[in-house]
C-alpha cells in the first residue's frame, strides 16, 4: 500500500546520474472534425536531469489552445490552510493516538528524515501518510518544481495559453480525508512498512514512464490499490470516470486541448483511455 500512495503522489521516479537522460513518455489524442484532445500522462515530481518535453509532446502542446491539469494549485498559504482544515480537524483521530509500537516506528522514520519525533502528532493518518511518502523523494532529489505539471504550466503562461484544472485542491485532499478511519490507519501503517522500498519503487516507475510503458505503470499502480478497494475507488476509479465524462463533453466544442493528468490515470483496464474507447471515441497513440 505504501507503493500505491507513493505512485499516487508521483502519478495519480531511475538511477542517479549527472548527464541529462532522454524520456519518451506516452501521448495519445482523441479527435473529430474540429476538436483535438491530447492526453499526456504526467509525473508530479521529477529529477532535473530527465529530458522529456520535446518531440511529439512539445508539438502537441504548442498546437493546443488550452492546458488542462488535474488542478491548478492555489498559493502556498491557501494550500496550508486547507491542509490544516482537512488534515487536522478537531475531534478526528490523529497519529498521536496510534498504538505505541506503531507510533515508535513513525518516530524512527521522522528522525531518519531529520524531523522531530512528534512532528506529525496533530495530523490525521492520511495526511501523515502523504507527508511520509514524499519525504524520501525529496532526499533522492525529486521536486515538484521539476514535475511535468510545473514545466507545462510555466510554458503555458509564457505562451499565453489558458490554463484550467479538472479539480480543486479541496477535492483532491478531500478524497483522502473522506476515507474511513480503518482505511486511513491501514494506509499509514503500510506507508511506514514500505519506506525502505522507496528507491526501488521510484526506479521501476520512472523507467516505465520514461519508456511510455502504460502496461507496466498499470501493473505497478494496481498491484497495491487492488488490496484497498476504498482507496482505489477514491483515488483512481471515481476520478477516471469524472475525467472521461469531461473529455467526452469537451469533444462537443471546437478547439485543441492538452490534458495532462497523472500517468496512472491513463493506464489499465479502468483508465480514462479505456472509458473513452468504451463510449466509441477513437484513442490514437502518438508516442
Protein backbone atom coordinates (compact mmCIF):
# COMPACT_ATOMS: atom_id res chain seq x y z
CA UNK A 1 0.00 0.00 0.00
CA UNK A 2 2.94 2.31 0.53
CA UNK A 3 3.81 1.79 -3.12
CA UNK A 4 0.27 2.76 -4.10
CA UNK A 5 0.47 6.01 -2.15
CA UNK A 6 3.95 6.74 -3.44
CA UNK A 7 2.84 6.15 -7.02
CA UNK A 8 -0.28 8.22 -6.42
CA UNK A 9 1.90 11.06 -5.21
CA UNK A 10 4.03 10.78 -8.32
CA UNK A 11 1.47 9.81 -10.97
CA UNK A 12 -2.11 9.88 -9.66
CA UNK A 13 10.70 8.27 -10.19
CA UNK A 14 15.79 5.79 -12.22
CA UNK A 15 19.18 5.87 -11.21
CA UNK A 16 21.08 8.98 -10.26
CA UNK A 17 23.41 10.47 -12.87
CA UNK A 18 24.72 13.91 -13.75
CA UNK A 19 24.04 13.69 -17.50
CA UNK A 20 20.57 14.51 -18.84
CA UNK A 21 18.51 11.43 -19.66
CA UNK A 22 16.05 11.16 -22.53
CA UNK A 23 12.48 10.07 -21.90
CA UNK A 24 9.65 9.37 -24.31
CA UNK A 25 6.52 9.28 -22.14
CA UNK A 26 3.23 8.19 -23.62
CA UNK A 27 0.97 10.60 -25.52
CA UNK A 28 -2.46 9.99 -27.02
CA UNK A 29 -5.06 12.01 -28.95
CA UNK A 30 -8.83 11.91 -29.34
CA UNK A 31 -10.09 13.77 -32.43
CA UNK A 32 -13.12 14.58 -34.51
CA UNK A 33 -13.68 17.08 -37.32
CA UNK A 34 -12.98 20.24 -35.33
CA UNK A 35 -11.70 19.09 -31.92
CA UNK A 36 -8.47 17.52 -30.69
CA UNK A 37 -7.84 16.50 -27.10
CA UNK A 38 -4.27 15.39 -26.40
CA UNK A 39 -3.83 13.15 -23.37
CA UNK A 40 -0.47 13.14 -21.61
CA UNK A 41 0.43 11.15 -18.51
CA UNK A 42 2.48 13.17 -16.04
CA UNK A 43 4.80 12.55 -13.12
CA UNK A 44 4.17 15.06 -10.35
CA UNK A 45 7.76 15.12 -9.09
CA UNK A 46 10.88 14.60 -11.21
CA UNK A 47 14.62 14.98 -11.05
CA UNK A 48 16.07 17.88 -13.06
CA UNK A 49 18.23 15.64 -15.26
CA UNK A 50 15.37 13.99 -17.18
CA UNK A 51 14.60 15.47 -20.60
CA UNK A 52 11.06 14.75 -21.84
CA UNK A 53 9.44 17.99 -23.08
CA UNK A 54 10.29 17.68 -26.78
CA UNK A 55 9.29 15.69 -29.87
CA UNK A 56 5.58 14.82 -30.22
CA UNK A 57 4.82 16.04 -26.68
CA UNK A 58 6.13 19.53 -27.43
CA UNK A 59 4.45 19.58 -30.85
CA UNK A 60 1.08 18.68 -29.34
CA UNK A 61 1.49 21.22 -26.55
CA UNK A 62 2.42 24.01 -28.98
CA UNK A 63 -0.61 23.21 -31.14
CA UNK A 64 -3.01 23.43 -28.18
CA UNK A 65 -5.07 26.45 -27.17
CA UNK A 66 -5.58 25.34 -23.58
CA UNK A 67 -3.65 23.36 -20.97
CA UNK A 68 -5.85 21.32 -18.63
CA UNK A 69 -4.25 19.91 -15.46
CA UNK A 70 -5.64 17.83 -12.61
CA UNK A 71 -5.72 21.08 -10.67
CA UNK A 72 -4.14 24.50 -10.62
CA UNK A 73 -2.57 24.69 -7.19
CA UNK A 74 -3.60 27.67 -5.06
CA UNK A 75 -0.98 29.84 -3.30
CA UNK A 76 1.08 28.09 -0.64
CA UNK A 77 -0.65 29.87 2.26
CA UNK A 78 -4.06 28.82 0.95
CA UNK A 79 -2.88 25.23 0.50
CA UNK A 80 -1.51 25.13 4.04
CA UNK A 81 -4.77 26.49 5.43
CA UNK A 82 -6.65 23.80 3.54
CA UNK A 83 -4.41 21.06 4.92
CA UNK A 84 -4.89 22.43 8.43
CA UNK A 85 -8.65 22.38 7.99
CA UNK A 86 -8.96 18.94 6.40
CA UNK A 87 -5.99 17.11 7.88
CA UNK A 88 -6.11 18.44 11.43
CA UNK A 89 -9.84 18.57 12.14
CA UNK A 90 -10.67 18.84 15.88
CA UNK A 91 -12.19 15.58 17.08
CA UNK A 92 -10.84 13.43 14.24
CA UNK A 93 -8.27 10.71 15.04
CA UNK A 94 -4.64 11.81 14.85
CA UNK A 95 -1.36 9.93 14.79
CA UNK A 96 -0.80 10.87 18.44
CA UNK A 97 -3.37 8.17 19.24
CA UNK A 98 -1.51 5.42 17.38
CA UNK A 99 -0.63 2.23 19.29
CA UNK A 100 2.78 2.65 20.98
CA UNK A 101 4.60 0.24 18.64
CA UNK A 102 3.30 1.96 15.51
CA UNK A 103 4.00 5.43 16.91
CA UNK A 104 7.56 4.35 17.74
CA UNK A 105 8.02 3.27 14.11
CA UNK A 106 6.72 6.66 12.98
CA UNK A 107 9.13 8.42 15.33
CA UNK A 108 12.04 6.45 13.89
CA UNK A 109 11.01 7.40 10.35
CA UNK A 110 10.80 11.07 11.27
CA UNK A 111 14.18 11.01 13.00
CA UNK A 112 15.63 9.43 9.87
CA UNK A 113 14.26 12.34 7.85
CA UNK A 114 15.74 14.87 10.27
CA UNK A 115 12.40 15.84 11.81
CA UNK A 116 11.18 15.93 15.38
CA UNK A 117 9.66 12.58 16.52
CA UNK A 118 6.32 14.25 17.30
CA UNK A 119 6.26 16.41 14.16
CA UNK A 120 3.12 14.75 12.77
CA UNK A 121 1.22 14.10 16.02
CA UNK A 122 -1.50 16.63 15.14
CA UNK A 123 -2.04 15.14 11.69
CA UNK A 124 -4.80 12.76 10.71
CA UNK A 125 -3.42 9.42 9.46
CA UNK A 126 -3.98 10.20 5.75
CA UNK A 127 -2.01 13.46 5.95
CA UNK A 128 0.82 11.81 7.88
CA UNK A 129 0.95 9.04 5.26
CA UNK A 130 1.09 11.52 2.41
CA UNK A 131 3.84 13.50 4.13
CA UNK A 132 5.88 10.37 4.82
CA UNK A 133 5.57 9.17 1.22
CA UNK A 134 7.04 12.45 -0.06
CA UNK A 135 9.97 12.77 2.35
CA UNK A 136 12.15 10.08 0.69
CA UNK A 137 11.53 11.59 -2.73
CA UNK A 138 12.93 14.91 -1.64
CA UNK A 139 16.03 13.22 -0.23
CA UNK A 140 16.50 11.41 -3.56
CA UNK A 141 16.42 14.69 -5.48
CA UNK A 142 12.83 14.72 -6.73
CA UNK A 143 10.99 18.03 -6.65
CA UNK A 144 7.59 19.21 -7.83
CA UNK A 145 9.26 22.22 -9.45
CA UNK A 146 10.75 19.72 -11.91
CA UNK A 147 7.49 17.80 -12.24
CA UNK A 148 5.67 17.72 -15.53
CA UNK A 149 2.79 19.92 -14.37
CA UNK A 150 5.05 22.75 -13.29
CA UNK A 151 7.03 22.61 -16.53
CA UNK A 152 3.86 22.58 -18.64
CA UNK A 153 2.18 25.35 -16.64
CA UNK A 154 5.24 27.58 -16.91
CA UNK A 155 5.39 27.01 -20.67
CA UNK A 156 1.66 27.71 -21.00
CA UNK A 157 1.92 31.02 -19.15
CA UNK A 158 4.90 32.02 -21.27
CA UNK A 159 2.96 31.22 -24.46
CA UNK A 160 -0.21 32.95 -23.27
CA UNK A 161 -2.27 29.76 -23.21
CA UNK A 162 -5.30 29.34 -20.98
CA UNK A 163 -4.70 27.02 -18.01
CA UNK A 164 -7.57 25.21 -16.29
CA UNK A 165 -7.99 22.45 -13.69
CA UNK A 166 -10.23 19.39 -13.62
CA UNK A 167 -10.38 19.51 -9.83
CA UNK A 168 -9.70 21.84 -6.92
CA UNK A 169 -7.17 21.30 -4.15
CA UNK A 170 -10.07 20.85 -1.73
CA UNK A 171 -11.39 18.00 -3.87
CA UNK A 172 -8.01 16.29 -4.12
CA UNK A 173 -7.24 16.40 -0.41
CA UNK A 174 -10.87 15.59 0.28
CA UNK A 175 -10.50 12.18 -1.37
CA UNK A 176 -8.06 11.24 1.38
CA UNK A 177 -9.96 13.00 4.16
CA UNK A 178 -13.16 11.10 3.34
CA UNK A 179 -11.52 7.70 3.67
CA UNK A 180 -12.78 5.67 6.60
CA UNK A 181 -10.72 5.56 9.79
CA UNK A 182 -9.83 1.94 9.05
CA UNK A 183 -8.62 2.75 5.54
CA UNK A 184 -6.57 5.69 6.80
CA UNK A 185 -4.97 3.61 9.53
CA UNK A 186 -4.09 0.85 7.09
CA UNK A 187 -2.67 3.41 4.68
CA UNK A 188 -0.39 4.91 7.33
CA UNK A 189 0.77 1.54 8.62
CA UNK A 190 1.59 0.25 5.16
CA UNK A 191 3.36 3.50 4.32
CA UNK A 192 5.61 3.11 7.35
CA UNK A 193 6.37 -0.50 6.46
CA UNK A 194 7.17 0.35 2.87
CA UNK A 195 9.59 3.23 3.38
CA UNK A 196 12.68 1.03 2.76
CA UNK A 197 11.30 0.17 -0.70
CA UNK A 198 11.22 3.78 -1.89
CA UNK A 199 14.30 3.68 -4.11
CA UNK A 200 13.29 0.50 -5.92
CA UNK A 201 9.73 1.74 -6.39
CA UNK A 202 10.91 5.01 -7.91
CA UNK A 203 13.37 3.23 -10.21
CA UNK A 204 10.68 0.94 -11.60
CA UNK A 205 8.10 3.69 -12.00
CA UNK A 206 10.31 6.27 -13.70
CA UNK A 207 11.69 3.62 -16.05
CA UNK A 208 8.17 2.63 -17.13
CA UNK A 209 7.06 6.24 -17.55
CA UNK A 210 10.20 7.20 -19.50
CA UNK A 211 9.59 4.37 -21.97
CA UNK A 212 5.89 5.15 -22.30
CA UNK A 213 5.09 1.69 -20.92
CA UNK A 214 1.49 2.19 -19.79
CA UNK A 215 1.00 -1.51 -19.09
CA UNK A 216 3.92 -1.58 -16.66
CA UNK A 217 2.61 1.53 -14.91
CA UNK A 218 -0.81 -0.10 -14.60
CA UNK A 219 0.72 -3.19 -13.01
CA UNK A 220 2.72 -1.11 -10.53
CA UNK A 221 -0.24 1.04 -9.51
CA UNK A 222 -2.95 -1.60 -9.45
CA UNK A 223 -0.92 -4.25 -7.62
CA UNK A 224 -1.32 -2.39 -4.33
CA UNK A 225 -4.54 -0.47 -4.94
CA UNK A 226 -6.34 -3.77 -5.53
CA UNK A 227 -5.77 -4.57 -1.86
CA UNK A 228 -7.64 -1.46 -0.73
CA UNK A 229 -10.84 -1.08 -2.78
CA UNK A 230 -11.86 2.06 -0.89
CA UNK A 231 -8.63 3.84 -1.75
CA UNK A 232 -8.71 2.58 -5.36
CA UNK A 233 -12.23 3.87 -5.87
CA UNK A 234 -11.44 7.27 -4.33
CA UNK A 235 -8.10 7.97 -5.99
CA UNK A 236 -8.49 6.18 -9.30
CA UNK A 237 -11.88 4.91 -10.44
CA UNK A 238 -14.06 7.83 -9.35
CA UNK A 239 -11.72 10.38 -10.88
CA UNK A 240 -11.22 8.41 -14.10
CA UNK A 241 -14.97 8.35 -14.66
CA UNK A 242 -15.32 12.07 -13.99
CA UNK A 243 -12.44 13.00 -16.30
CA UNK A 244 -13.63 10.73 -19.10
CA UNK A 245 -17.04 12.43 -18.88
CA UNK A 246 -15.33 15.84 -19.05
CA UNK A 247 -13.35 14.89 -22.15
CA UNK A 248 -16.42 13.41 -23.82
CA UNK A 249 -18.30 16.67 -23.24
CA UNK A 250 -15.32 18.75 -24.39
CA UNK A 251 -15.34 16.93 -27.72
CA UNK A 252 -18.61 18.73 -28.49
CA UNK A 253 -16.82 22.10 -28.77
CA UNK A 254 -14.15 23.04 -31.33
CA UNK A 255 -10.54 23.64 -30.38
CA UNK A 256 -7.34 21.88 -29.32
CA UNK A 257 -6.71 20.98 -25.69
CA UNK A 258 -3.67 19.45 -24.00
CA UNK A 259 -4.87 17.42 -20.99
CA UNK A 260 -2.09 16.43 -18.56
CA UNK A 261 -3.03 14.14 -15.67
CA UNK A 262 -1.13 11.65 -13.55
CA UNK A 263 0.13 8.82 -15.75
CA UNK A 264 -1.62 6.20 -13.61
CA UNK A 265 -4.97 7.50 -14.81
CA UNK A 266 -4.06 6.64 -18.41
CA UNK A 267 -3.03 3.04 -17.71
CA UNK A 268 -5.01 -0.15 -17.29
CA UNK A 269 -8.45 -1.54 -18.00
CA UNK A 270 -10.22 1.13 -15.90
CA UNK A 271 -8.23 4.06 -17.28
CA UNK A 272 -9.56 7.26 -18.78
CA UNK A 273 -8.50 5.92 -22.18
CA UNK A 274 -10.42 2.69 -21.71
CA UNK A 275 -13.54 4.59 -20.66
CA UNK A 276 -13.32 6.86 -23.72
CA UNK A 277 -12.92 3.86 -26.02
CA UNK A 278 -15.92 2.21 -24.36
CA UNK A 279 -18.19 5.07 -25.46
CA UNK A 280 -17.00 4.92 -29.06
CA UNK A 281 -14.25 7.57 -29.12
CA UNK A 282 -11.12 6.62 -31.04
CA UNK A 283 -7.97 6.97 -28.95
CA UNK A 284 -4.79 7.25 -31.02
CA UNK A 285 -1.33 6.62 -29.58
CA UNK A 286 1.13 9.30 -30.77
CA UNK A 287 4.18 8.38 -28.67
